[in-house]
Amino acid sequence: MSDEDKMIPAQISKAVRQLNSIRPGYESLLDLYEKIFVAQEKSKMVTKVPAVDIPEETLKKKVSEKFPLANLSDFTVDVDSAAALLEEICGSLRGSGNDYSEAAGLVLDAISRGALDYAGLYSAFLGENEHYFDKASESIGVDKSGLAFFIYNSAKPSLVLFAETISRYLDPNTEWLKGYCPICGSPASLSLFEKDGKRFLCCSFCWHKWPTRRIFCNNCENADDKTLKYYSFDNEQEHRVDVCDKCKSYIKTVDCRNADRFIYPPLEYISTPHIDIKMMEMGFTSCVRS
């Protein structure tokens, strides 16, 4: 872990303070996710996932046919560090008065009773085992979406590290011209224009970042500049929204060239719900399905 990586938790907290001054109405939302993102970054420093080797023939086939390198079930979760992070996140959110406060308390109660099968939950989450999740959420007394929220956020350091290890099979300078993540096949959640003007997309699941065309719809892969455009908003110099008139989808974009603060993509995604509301009012649908 580099010195730069070790600075990220402090940079996240600073960025949250700056955003709070810009958007005071989002203090509770930003406080919630500051706790989660800082805890995730600290957990990432001690999380270990094994390197994955892709056989040459399999890799050649995936590359030639534009398949993602991994299925969700291929991901590895460091169960010990994820379990510790799950307890930390729930401890931070219990009694905080946010939407997940009550659920956090119920999960902690289940942990204290020894009623959580960590390995089973993470395996069911990655394997999209709805039946297992139904039974687990019922036994804990937490709705399935709430349980998935905690399981995903506690597994996220492992998911990000897995994506980083497998990304060695990709050329970081080659544009990926498909509408899904080249690592896991999930949709992009955010678009970024870096300081040099190059455009990148960020995965909604593993948060892998990949280069793409400046004019490109990541939902339907449309590249026609006559049906692709963007909207900017007052007092939002760092953000704009790229839209496709062909499929009526949108993706939020951060223009790092106009930013004078640390840009942490997951924070940028969750701190702009007003943009989502505006775009839905205009008849566009997010590329990310909730």
C-alpha atoms as a PDB file:
ATOM      1  CA  MET A   1       0.000   0.000   0.000  1.00  0.00           C
ATOM      2  CA  SER A   2       1.549   3.287  -1.105  1.00  0.00           C
ATOM      3  CA  ASP A   3       1.781   6.444   1.005  1.00  0.00           C
ATOM      4  CA  GLU A   4      -0.731   8.006  -1.398  1.00  0.00           C
ATOM      5  CA  ASP A   5      -3.248   5.241  -0.673  1.00  0.00           C
ATOM      6  CA  LYS A   6      -2.799   5.750   3.071  1.00  0.00           C
ATOM      7  CA  MET A   7      -3.783   9.403   2.667  1.00  0.00           C
ATOM      8  CA  ILE A   8      -7.135   8.607   1.040  1.00  0.00           C
ATOM      9  CA  PRO A   9      -9.238   8.348   4.266  1.00  0.00           C
ATOM     10  CA  ALA A  10      -8.163  11.844   5.326  1.00  0.00           C
ATOM     11  CA  GLN A  11      -8.756  13.163   1.809  1.00  0.00           C
ATOM     12  CA  ILE A  12     -12.271  11.704   1.800  1.00  0.00           C
ATOM     13  CA  SER A  13     -13.093  13.449   5.088  1.00  0.00           C
ATOM     14  CA  LYS A  14     -11.744  16.734   3.762  1.00  0.00           C
ATOM     15  CA  ALA A  15     -13.784  16.375   0.557  1.00  0.00           C
ATOM     16  CA  VAL A  16     -16.913  15.709   2.632  1.00  0.00           C
ATOM     17  CA  ARG A  17     -16.346  18.903   4.622  1.00  0.00           C
ATOM     18  CA  GLN A  18     -15.959  20.848   1.367  1.00  0.00           C
ATOM     19  CA  LEU A  19     -19.136  19.324  -0.057  1.00  0.00           C
ATOM     20  CA  ASN A  20     -21.021  20.073   3.146  1.00  0.00           C
ATOM     21  CA  SER A  21     -20.185  23.747   2.713  1.00  0.00           C
ATOM     22  CA  ILE A  22     -21.461  23.640  -0.883  1.00  0.00           C
ATOM     23  CA  ARG A  23     -24.550  21.493  -0.232  1.00  0.00           C
ATOM     24  CA  PRO A  24     -25.546  21.880   3.426  1.00  0.00           C
ATOM     25  CA  GLY A  25     -28.772  19.996   2.818  1.00  0.00           C
ATOM     26  CA  TYR A  26     -26.831  16.769   2.297  1.00  0.00           C
ATOM     27  CA  GLU A  27     -25.007  16.707   5.646  1.00  0.00           C
ATOM     28  CA  SER A  28     -26.713  13.571   6.943  1.00  0.00           C
ATOM     29  CA  LEU A  29     -26.175  11.719   3.651  1.00  0.00           C
ATOM     30  CA  LEU A  30     -22.533  12.755   3.441  1.00  0.00           C
ATOM     31  CA  ASP A  31     -21.932  11.911   7.108  1.00  0.00           C
ATOM     32  CA  LEU A  32     -23.319   8.415   6.504  1.00  0.00           C
ATOM     33  CA  TYR A  33     -21.096   7.731   3.530  1.00  0.00           C
ATOM     34  CA  GLU A  34     -18.029   9.380   5.011  1.00  0.00           C
ATOM     35  CA  LYS A  35     -18.134   6.744   7.754  1.00  0.00           C
ATOM     36  CA  ILE A  36     -18.531   3.963   5.209  1.00  0.00           C
ATOM     37  CA  PHE A  37     -15.933   5.146   2.684  1.00  0.00           C
ATOM     38  CA  VAL A  38     -13.280   5.915   5.307  1.00  0.00           C
ATOM     39  CA  ALA A  39     -13.819   2.524   6.961  1.00  0.00           C
ATOM     40  CA  GLN A  40     -13.593   0.791   3.570  1.00  0.00           C
ATOM     41  CA  GLU A  41     -10.334   2.478   2.652  1.00  0.00           C
ATOM     42  CA  LYS A  42      -8.785   1.589   6.016  1.00  0.00           C
ATOM     43  CA  SER A  43     -10.003  -1.994   5.679  1.00  0.00           C
ATOM     44  CA  LYS A  44      -8.529  -2.190   2.190  1.00  0.00           C
ATOM     45  CA  MET A  45      -5.066  -1.715   3.709  1.00  0.00           C
ATOM     46  CA  VAL A  46      -5.374  -5.057   5.560  1.00  0.00           C
ATOM     47  CA  THR A  47      -7.552  -6.967   3.095  1.00  0.00           C
ATOM     48  CA  LYS A  48      -5.923  -9.749   1.126  1.00  0.00           C
ATOM     49  CA  VAL A  49      -7.270 -11.425  -1.997  1.00  0.00           C
ATOM     50  CA  PRO A  50      -5.334 -13.985  -4.048  1.00  0.00           C
ATOM     51  CA  ALA A  51      -4.177 -13.142  -7.545  1.00  0.00           C
ATOM     52  CA  VAL A  52      -6.251 -14.810 -10.242  1.00  0.00           C
ATOM     53  CA  ASP A  53      -4.620 -16.454 -13.228  1.00  0.00           C
ATOM     54  CA  ILE A  54      -6.614 -16.608 -16.465  1.00  0.00           C
ATOM     55  CA  PRO A  55      -5.514 -19.411 -18.826  1.00  0.00           C
ATOM     56  CA  GLU A  56      -4.123 -18.067 -22.086  1.00  0.00           C
ATOM     57  CA  GLU A  57      -6.824 -19.647 -24.283  1.00  0.00           C
ATOM     58  CA  THR A  58      -9.610 -18.376 -22.037  1.00  0.00           C
ATOM     59  CA  LEU A  59      -8.098 -14.896 -22.014  1.00  0.00           C
ATOM     60  CA  LYS A  60      -7.750 -14.878 -25.796  1.00  0.00           C
ATOM     61  CA  LYS A  61     -11.418 -15.840 -26.192  1.00  0.00           C
ATOM     62  CA  LYS A  62     -12.642 -13.229 -23.712  1.00  0.00           C
ATOM     63  CA  VAL A  63     -10.596 -10.480 -25.341  1.00  0.00           C
ATOM     64  CA  SER A  64     -11.595 -11.380 -28.904  1.00  0.00           C
ATOM     65  CA  GLU A  65     -15.309 -11.637 -28.055  1.00  0.00           C
ATOM     66  CA  LYS A  66     -15.319  -8.628 -25.712  1.00  0.00           C
ATOM     67  CA  PHE A  67     -16.390 -10.646 -22.675  1.00  0.00           C
ATOM     68  CA  PRO A  68     -15.692  -9.304 -19.166  1.00  0.00           C
ATOM     69  CA  LEU A  69     -12.746 -11.034 -17.521  1.00  0.00           C
ATOM     70  CA  ALA A  70     -14.756 -12.354 -14.573  1.00  0.00           C
ATOM     71  CA  ASN A  71     -18.232 -13.301 -13.440  1.00  0.00           C
ATOM     72  CA  LEU A  72     -19.435 -11.926 -10.107  1.00  0.00           C
ATOM     73  CA  SER A  73     -19.150 -15.435  -8.657  1.00  0.00           C
ATOM     74  CA  ASP A  74     -15.427 -15.429  -9.554  1.00  0.00           C
ATOM     75  CA  PHE A  75     -14.722 -12.618  -7.099  1.00  0.00           C
ATOM     76  CA  THR A  76     -12.990 -13.482  -3.833  1.00  0.00           C
ATOM     77  CA  VAL A  77     -13.900 -11.943  -0.488  1.00  0.00           C
ATOM     78  CA  ASP A  78     -11.480 -11.857   2.431  1.00  0.00           C
ATOM     79  CA  VAL A  79     -14.138 -13.034   4.879  1.00  0.00           C
ATOM     80  CA  ASP A  80     -12.227 -12.098   8.048  1.00  0.00           C
ATOM     81  CA  SER A  81     -11.579  -8.486   7.037  1.00  0.00           C
ATOM     82  CA  ALA A  82     -15.068  -8.152   5.517  1.00  0.00           C
ATOM     83  CA  ALA A  83     -16.677  -9.437   8.719  1.00  0.00           C
ATOM     84  CA  ALA A  84     -14.663  -6.968  10.801  1.00  0.00           C
ATOM     85  CA  LEU A  85     -15.679  -4.150   8.458  1.00  0.00           C
ATOM     86  CA  LEU A  86     -19.327  -5.217   8.597  1.00  0.00           C
ATOM     87  CA  GLU A  87     -19.305  -4.926  12.379  1.00  0.00           C
ATOM     88  CA  GLU A  88     -17.519  -1.563  12.212  1.00  0.00           C
ATOM     89  CA  ILE A  89     -19.975  -0.114   9.695  1.00  0.00           C
ATOM     90  CA  CYS A  90     -22.979  -1.343  11.662  1.00  0.00           C
ATOM     91  CA  GLY A  91     -21.480   0.029  14.874  1.00  0.00           C
ATOM     92  CA  SER A  92     -21.024   3.443  13.246  1.00  0.00           C
ATOM     93  CA  LEU A  93     -24.557   3.554  11.845  1.00  0.00           C
ATOM     94  CA  ARG A  94     -26.522   2.110  14.774  1.00  0.00           C
ATOM     95  CA  GLY A  95     -28.303   4.891  16.611  1.00  0.00           C
ATOM     96  CA  SER A  96     -27.252   7.487  14.049  1.00  0.00           C
ATOM     97  CA  GLY A  97     -30.805   8.184  12.944  1.00  0.00           C
ATOM     98  CA  ASN A  98     -30.227   7.518   9.237  1.00  0.00           C
ATOM     99  CA  ASP A  99     -32.157   5.108   7.021  1.00  0.00           C
ATOM    100  CA  TYR A 100     -29.889   2.195   7.965  1.00  0.00           C
ATOM    101  CA  SER A 101     -29.729   2.853  11.701  1.00  0.00           C
ATOM    102  CA  GLU A 102     -32.316   0.275  12.769  1.00  0.00           C
ATOM    103  CA  ALA A 103     -31.051  -2.366  10.356  1.00  0.00           C
ATOM    104  CA  ALA A 104     -27.493  -1.841  11.645  1.00  0.00           C
ATOM    105  CA  GLY A 105     -28.680  -2.601  15.182  1.00  0.00           C
ATOM    106  CA  LEU A 106     -30.439  -5.790  14.060  1.00  0.00           C
ATOM    107  CA  VAL A 107     -27.348  -7.005  12.204  1.00  0.00           C
ATOM    108  CA  LEU A 108     -25.207  -6.337  15.294  1.00  0.00           C
ATOM    109  CA  ASP A 109     -27.678  -8.284  17.418  1.00  0.00           C
ATOM    110  CA  ALA A 110     -27.376 -11.207  14.990  1.00  0.00           C
ATOM    111  CA  ILE A 111     -23.582 -10.972  15.168  1.00  0.00           C
ATOM    112  CA  SER A 112     -23.652 -11.042  18.981  1.00  0.00           C
ATOM    113  CA  ARG A 113     -25.837 -14.184  18.866  1.00  0.00           C
ATOM    114  CA  GLY A 114     -23.490 -15.870  16.404  1.00  0.00           C
ATOM    115  CA  ALA A 115     -26.368 -16.013  13.925  1.00  0.00           C
ATOM    116  CA  LEU A 116     -24.483 -14.748  10.880  1.00  0.00           C
ATOM    117  CA  ASP A 117     -22.819 -17.166   8.492  1.00  0.00           C
ATOM    118  CA  TYR A 118     -20.362 -14.699   6.998  1.00  0.00           C
ATOM    119  CA  ALA A 119     -18.934 -17.013   4.349  1.00  0.00           C
ATOM    120  CA  GLY A 120     -22.434 -18.105   3.344  1.00  0.00           C
ATOM    121  CA  LEU A 121     -23.686 -14.529   3.050  1.00  0.00           C
ATOM    122  CA  TYR A 122     -20.784 -13.317   0.927  1.00  0.00           C
ATOM    123  CA  SER A 123     -21.002 -16.397  -1.287  1.00  0.00           C
ATOM    124  CA  ALA A 124     -24.768 -15.943  -1.716  1.00  0.00           C
ATOM    125  CA  PHE A 125     -24.293 -12.257  -2.505  1.00  0.00           C
ATOM    126  CA  LEU A 126     -21.724 -12.926  -5.240  1.00  0.00           C
ATOM    127  CA  GLY A 127     -23.688 -15.906  -6.549  1.00  0.00           C
ATOM    128  CA  GLU A 128     -26.914 -13.880  -6.581  1.00  0.00           C
ATOM    129  CA  ASN A 129     -28.590 -16.563  -4.463  1.00  0.00           C
ATOM    130  CA  GLU A 130     -31.921 -14.866  -3.781  1.00  0.00           C
ATOM    131  CA  HIS A 131     -33.318 -17.794  -1.785  1.00  0.00           C
ATOM    132  CA  TYR A 132     -30.397 -17.733   0.672  1.00  0.00           C
ATOM    133  CA  PHE A 133     -30.721 -13.977   1.079  1.00  0.00           C
ATOM    134  CA  ASP A 134     -34.478 -14.253   1.658  1.00  0.00           C
ATOM    135  CA  LYS A 135     -33.940 -16.739   4.469  1.00  0.00           C
ATOM    136  CA  ALA A 136     -31.051 -14.772   6.015  1.00  0.00           C
ATOM    137  CA  SER A 137     -32.898 -11.452   5.966  1.00  0.00           C
ATOM    138  CA  GLU A 138     -35.993 -13.078   7.482  1.00  0.00           C
ATOM    139  CA  SER A 139     -34.010 -14.669  10.310  1.00  0.00           C
ATOM    140  CA  ILE A 140     -32.264 -11.391  11.133  1.00  0.00           C
ATOM    141  CA  GLY A 141     -35.372  -9.256  10.708  1.00  0.00           C
ATOM    142  CA  VAL A 142     -33.761  -6.964   8.122  1.00  0.00           C
ATOM    143  CA  ASP A 143     -35.240  -6.473   4.658  1.00  0.00           C
ATOM    144  CA  LYS A 144     -33.212  -7.991   1.833  1.00  0.00           C
ATOM    145  CA  SER A 145     -32.121  -4.677   0.318  1.00  0.00           C
ATOM    146  CA  GLY A 146     -30.837  -3.487   3.696  1.00  0.00           C
ATOM    147  CA  LEU A 147     -28.886  -6.705   4.251  1.00  0.00           C
ATOM    148  CA  ALA A 148     -27.431  -6.457   0.726  1.00  0.00           C
ATOM    149  CA  PHE A 149     -26.358  -2.875   1.498  1.00  0.00           C
ATOM    150  CA  PHE A 150     -24.270  -4.027   4.468  1.00  0.00           C
ATOM    151  CA  ILE A 151     -22.891  -7.127   2.766  1.00  0.00           C
ATOM    152  CA  TYR A 152     -21.832  -5.229  -0.355  1.00  0.00           C
ATOM    153  CA  ASN A 153     -20.246  -2.345   1.535  1.00  0.00           C
ATOM    154  CA  SER A 154     -18.300  -4.670   3.828  1.00  0.00           C
ATOM    155  CA  ALA A 155     -17.146  -6.785   0.870  1.00  0.00           C
ATOM    156  CA  LYS A 156     -16.222  -3.789  -1.271  1.00  0.00           C
ATOM    157  CA  PRO A 157     -12.495  -3.604  -0.333  1.00  0.00           C
ATOM    158  CA  SER A 158     -12.138  -7.220  -1.465  1.00  0.00           C
ATOM    159  CA  LEU A 159     -14.052  -6.529  -4.676  1.00  0.00           C
ATOM    160  CA  VAL A 160     -11.908  -3.501  -5.497  1.00  0.00           C
ATOM    161  CA  LEU A 161      -8.673  -5.383  -4.793  1.00  0.00           C
ATOM    162  CA  PHE A 162      -9.823  -8.345  -6.880  1.00  0.00           C
ATOM    163  CA  ALA A 163     -10.533  -5.971  -9.764  1.00  0.00           C
ATOM    164  CA  GLU A 164      -7.106  -4.389  -9.347  1.00  0.00           C
ATOM    165  CA  THR A 165      -5.332  -7.755  -9.470  1.00  0.00           C
ATOM    166  CA  ILE A 166      -7.191  -9.019 -12.540  1.00  0.00           C
ATOM    167  CA  SER A 167      -6.887  -5.703 -14.378  1.00  0.00           C
ATOM    168  CA  ARG A 168      -3.275  -6.610 -15.163  1.00  0.00           C
ATOM    169  CA  TYR A 169      -4.689  -8.501 -18.143  1.00  0.00           C
ATOM    170  CA  LEU A 170      -6.040  -5.258 -19.639  1.00  0.00           C
ATOM    171  CA  ASP A 171      -4.142  -2.583 -21.526  1.00  0.00           C
ATOM    172  CA  PRO A 172      -4.814   0.575 -19.447  1.00  0.00           C
ATOM    173  CA  ASN A 173      -4.345   2.757 -22.532  1.00  0.00           C
ATOM    174  CA  THR A 174      -6.786   0.925 -24.802  1.00  0.00           C
ATOM    175  CA  GLU A 175     -10.337   2.258 -24.917  1.00  0.00           C
ATOM    176  CA  TRP A 176     -13.022  -0.265 -23.946  1.00  0.00           C
ATOM    177  CA  LEU A 177     -15.909   0.350 -26.315  1.00  0.00           C
ATOM    178  CA  LYS A 178     -18.597  -1.757 -24.709  1.00  0.00           C
ATOM    179  CA  GLY A 179     -21.370  -0.627 -22.372  1.00  0.00           C
ATOM    180  CA  TYR A 180     -20.226  -2.708 -19.416  1.00  0.00           C
ATOM    181  CA  CYS A 181     -17.215  -3.070 -17.150  1.00  0.00           C
ATOM    182  CA  PRO A 182     -14.365  -5.048 -18.767  1.00  0.00           C
ATOM    183  CA  ILE A 183     -13.667  -6.689 -15.407  1.00  0.00           C
ATOM    184  CA  CYS A 184     -17.095  -7.822 -14.155  1.00  0.00           C
ATOM    185  CA  GLY A 185     -19.674  -6.828 -16.757  1.00  0.00           C
ATOM    186  CA  SER A 186     -21.591  -4.423 -14.491  1.00  0.00           C
ATOM    187  CA  PRO A 187     -22.843  -1.045 -15.782  1.00  0.00           C
ATOM    188  CA  ALA A 188     -20.846   2.130 -15.273  1.00  0.00           C
ATOM    189  CA  SER A 189     -22.058   4.411 -12.496  1.00  0.00           C
ATOM    190  CA  LEU A 190     -19.970   7.495 -13.213  1.00  0.00           C
ATOM    191  CA  SER A 191     -18.048   9.184 -16.016  1.00  0.00           C
ATOM    192  CA  LEU A 192     -14.830  11.127 -15.435  1.00  0.00           C
ATOM    193  CA  PHE A 193     -12.919  13.639 -17.484  1.00  0.00           C
ATOM    194  CA  GLU A 194      -9.368  13.565 -16.159  1.00  0.00           C
ATOM    195  CA  LYS A 195      -7.059  16.591 -16.065  1.00  0.00           C
ATOM    196  CA  ASP A 196      -5.660  15.672 -19.489  1.00  0.00           C
ATOM    197  CA  GLY A 197      -9.175  15.603 -21.001  1.00  0.00           C
ATOM    198  CA  LYS A 198      -9.345  11.822 -21.388  1.00  0.00           C
ATOM    199  CA  ARG A 199     -12.672  10.222 -20.510  1.00  0.00           C
ATOM    200  CA  PHE A 200     -13.043   7.252 -18.167  1.00  0.00           C
ATOM    201  CA  LEU A 201     -15.961   5.229 -16.850  1.00  0.00           C
ATOM    202  CA  CYS A 202     -16.229   3.778 -13.332  1.00  0.00           C
ATOM    203  CA  CYS A 203     -17.914   0.451 -12.618  1.00  0.00           C
ATOM    204  CA  SER A 204     -20.929   0.451 -10.303  1.00  0.00           C
ATOM    205  CA  PHE A 205     -19.854  -2.839  -8.689  1.00  0.00           C
ATOM    206  CA  CYS A 206     -16.070  -3.237  -8.541  1.00  0.00           C
ATOM    207  CA  TRP A 207     -15.230   0.459  -9.220  1.00  0.00           C
ATOM    208  CA  HIS A 208     -12.712  -0.424 -11.901  1.00  0.00           C
ATOM    209  CA  LYS A 209     -11.949   2.630 -14.039  1.00  0.00           C
ATOM    210  CA  TRP A 210     -11.419   2.243 -17.773  1.00  0.00           C
ATOM    211  CA  PRO A 211     -10.751   4.577 -20.728  1.00  0.00           C
ATOM    212  CA  THR A 212     -13.531   5.167 -23.235  1.00  0.00           C
ATOM    213  CA  ARG A 213     -14.473   7.525 -26.063  1.00  0.00           C
ATOM    214  CA  ARG A 214     -15.403  11.091 -25.280  1.00  0.00           C
ATOM    215  CA  ILE A 215     -18.579  10.690 -27.339  1.00  0.00           C
ATOM    216  CA  PHE A 216     -20.103   7.350 -26.391  1.00  0.00           C
ATOM    217  CA  CYS A 217     -23.234   6.060 -24.622  1.00  0.00           C
ATOM    218  CA  ASN A 218     -22.275   3.399 -22.109  1.00  0.00           C
ATOM    219  CA  ASN A 219     -25.875   2.163 -21.991  1.00  0.00           C
ATOM    220  CA  CYS A 220     -26.579   1.376 -25.671  1.00  0.00           C
ATOM    221  CA  GLU A 221     -23.071   1.952 -27.135  1.00  0.00           C
ATOM    222  CA  ASN A 222     -24.332   4.733 -29.381  1.00  0.00           C
ATOM    223  CA  ALA A 223     -21.504   6.876 -30.811  1.00  0.00           C
ATOM    224  CA  ASP A 224     -23.579   9.248 -32.953  1.00  0.00           C
ATOM    225  CA  ASP A 225     -22.789  12.808 -31.908  1.00  0.00           C
ATOM    226  CA  LYS A 226     -26.178  13.967 -33.221  1.00  0.00           C
ATOM    227  CA  THR A 227     -28.007  11.991 -30.529  1.00  0.00           C
ATOM    228  CA  LEU A 228     -25.452  12.407 -27.732  1.00  0.00           C
ATOM    229  CA  LYS A 229     -25.205  15.620 -25.727  1.00  0.00           C
ATOM    230  CA  TYR A 230     -24.635  16.889 -22.219  1.00  0.00           C
ATOM    231  CA  TYR A 231     -26.295  19.223 -19.742  1.00  0.00           C
ATOM    232  CA  SER A 232     -24.572  21.441 -17.222  1.00  0.00           C
ATOM    233  CA  PHE A 233     -26.195  23.140 -14.256  1.00  0.00           C
ATOM    234  CA  ASP A 234     -25.724  26.395 -12.395  1.00  0.00           C
ATOM    235  CA  ASN A 235     -23.252  26.168  -9.497  1.00  0.00           C
ATOM    236  CA  GLU A 236     -22.114  22.720 -10.695  1.00  0.00           C
ATOM    237  CA  GLN A 237     -18.827  23.481 -12.447  1.00  0.00           C
ATOM    238  CA  GLU A 238     -17.422  20.074 -11.502  1.00  0.00           C
ATOM    239  CA  HIS A 239     -20.430  18.104 -12.715  1.00  0.00           C
ATOM    240  CA  ARG A 240     -22.343  17.655 -15.907  1.00  0.00           C
ATOM    241  CA  VAL A 241     -24.668  14.963 -17.235  1.00  0.00           C
ATOM    242  CA  ASP A 242     -24.095  13.060 -20.470  1.00  0.00           C
ATOM    243  CA  VAL A 243     -27.314  11.877 -22.109  1.00  0.00           C
ATOM    244  CA  CYS A 244     -28.318   9.725 -25.041  1.00  0.00           C
ATOM    245  CA  ASP A 245     -31.451  10.696 -26.960  1.00  0.00           C
ATOM    246  CA  LYS A 246     -31.484   7.281 -28.611  1.00  0.00           C
ATOM    247  CA  CYS A 247     -31.997   5.196 -25.443  1.00  0.00           C
ATOM    248  CA  LYS A 248     -32.974   8.097 -23.115  1.00  0.00           C
ATOM    249  CA  SER A 249     -30.308   7.201 -20.567  1.00  0.00           C
ATOM    250  CA  TYR A 250     -27.953   9.453 -18.629  1.00  0.00           C
ATOM    251  CA  ILE A 251     -24.738   9.196 -16.686  1.00  0.00           C
ATOM    252  CA  LYS A 252     -23.338  11.724 -14.238  1.00  0.00           C
ATOM    253  CA  THR A 253     -19.921  13.064 -15.188  1.00  0.00           C
ATOM    254  CA  VAL A 254     -17.211  14.670 -13.055  1.00  0.00           C
ATOM    255  CA  ASP A 255     -14.961  17.094 -14.901  1.00  0.00           C
ATOM    256  CA  CYS A 256     -11.744  16.905 -12.895  1.00  0.00           C
ATOM    257  CA  ARG A 257     -10.358  19.833 -14.899  1.00  0.00           C
ATOM    258  CA  ASN A 258     -12.788  22.100 -13.052  1.00  0.00           C
ATOM    259  CA  ALA A 259     -12.293  20.557  -9.617  1.00  0.00           C
ATOM    260  CA  ASP A 260     -10.115  22.118  -6.947  1.00  0.00           C
ATOM    261  CA  ARG A 261     -10.590  19.310  -4.421  1.00  0.00           C
ATOM    262  CA  PHE A 262      -9.904  15.590  -4.058  1.00  0.00           C
ATOM    263  CA  ILE A 263     -12.177  13.550  -6.336  1.00  0.00           C
ATOM    264  CA  TYR A 264     -13.293  10.221  -4.894  1.00  0.00           C
ATOM    265  CA  PRO A 265     -15.672   8.682  -7.466  1.00  0.00           C
ATOM    266  CA  PRO A 266     -18.029   6.854  -5.045  1.00  0.00           C
ATOM    267  CA  LEU A 267     -18.466  10.104  -3.096  1.00  0.00           C
ATOM    268  CA  GLU A 268     -19.197  12.068  -6.262  1.00  0.00           C
ATOM    269  CA  TYR A 269     -21.812   9.517  -7.265  1.00  0.00           C
ATOM    270  CA  ILE A 270     -23.802   9.591  -4.012  1.00  0.00           C
ATOM    271  CA  SER A 271     -23.494  13.336  -3.325  1.00  0.00           C
ATOM    272  CA  THR A 272     -25.513  14.445  -6.354  1.00  0.00           C
ATOM    273  CA  PRO A 273     -29.087  13.118  -5.899  1.00  0.00           C
ATOM    274  CA  HIS A 274     -30.470  16.469  -7.074  1.00  0.00           C
ATOM    275  CA  ILE A 275     -28.993  15.729 -10.492  1.00  0.00           C
ATOM    276  CA  ASP A 276     -30.756  12.345 -10.588  1.00  0.00           C
ATOM    277  CA  ILE A 277     -34.074  13.993  -9.739  1.00  0.00           C
ATOM    278  CA  LYS A 278     -33.609  16.624 -12.428  1.00  0.00           C
ATOM    279  CA  MET A 279     -32.739  14.084 -15.103  1.00  0.00           C
ATOM    280  CA  MET A 280     -35.686  11.849 -14.250  1.00  0.00           C
ATOM    281  CA  GLU A 281     -37.962  14.895 -14.497  1.00  0.00           C
ATOM    282  CA  MET A 282     -36.525  15.436 -17.995  1.00  0.00           C
ATOM    283  CA  GLY A 283     -37.432  11.870 -18.987  1.00  0.00           C
ATOM    284  CA  PHE A 284     -34.022  10.214 -18.766  1.00  0.00           C
ATOM    285  CA  THR A 285     -33.171   6.978 -16.943  1.00  0.00           C
ATOM    286  CA  SER A 286     -29.979   6.249 -15.041  1.00  0.00           C
ATOM    287  CA  CYS A 287     -27.590   3.703 -16.525  1.00  0.00           C
ATOM    288  CA  VAL A 288     -27.365   2.152 -13.048  1.00  0.00           C
ATOM    289  CA  ARG A 289     -30.315  -0.025 -12.118  1.00  0.00           C
ATOM    290  CA  SER A 290     -31.093   0.090  -8.394  1.00  0.00           C
END
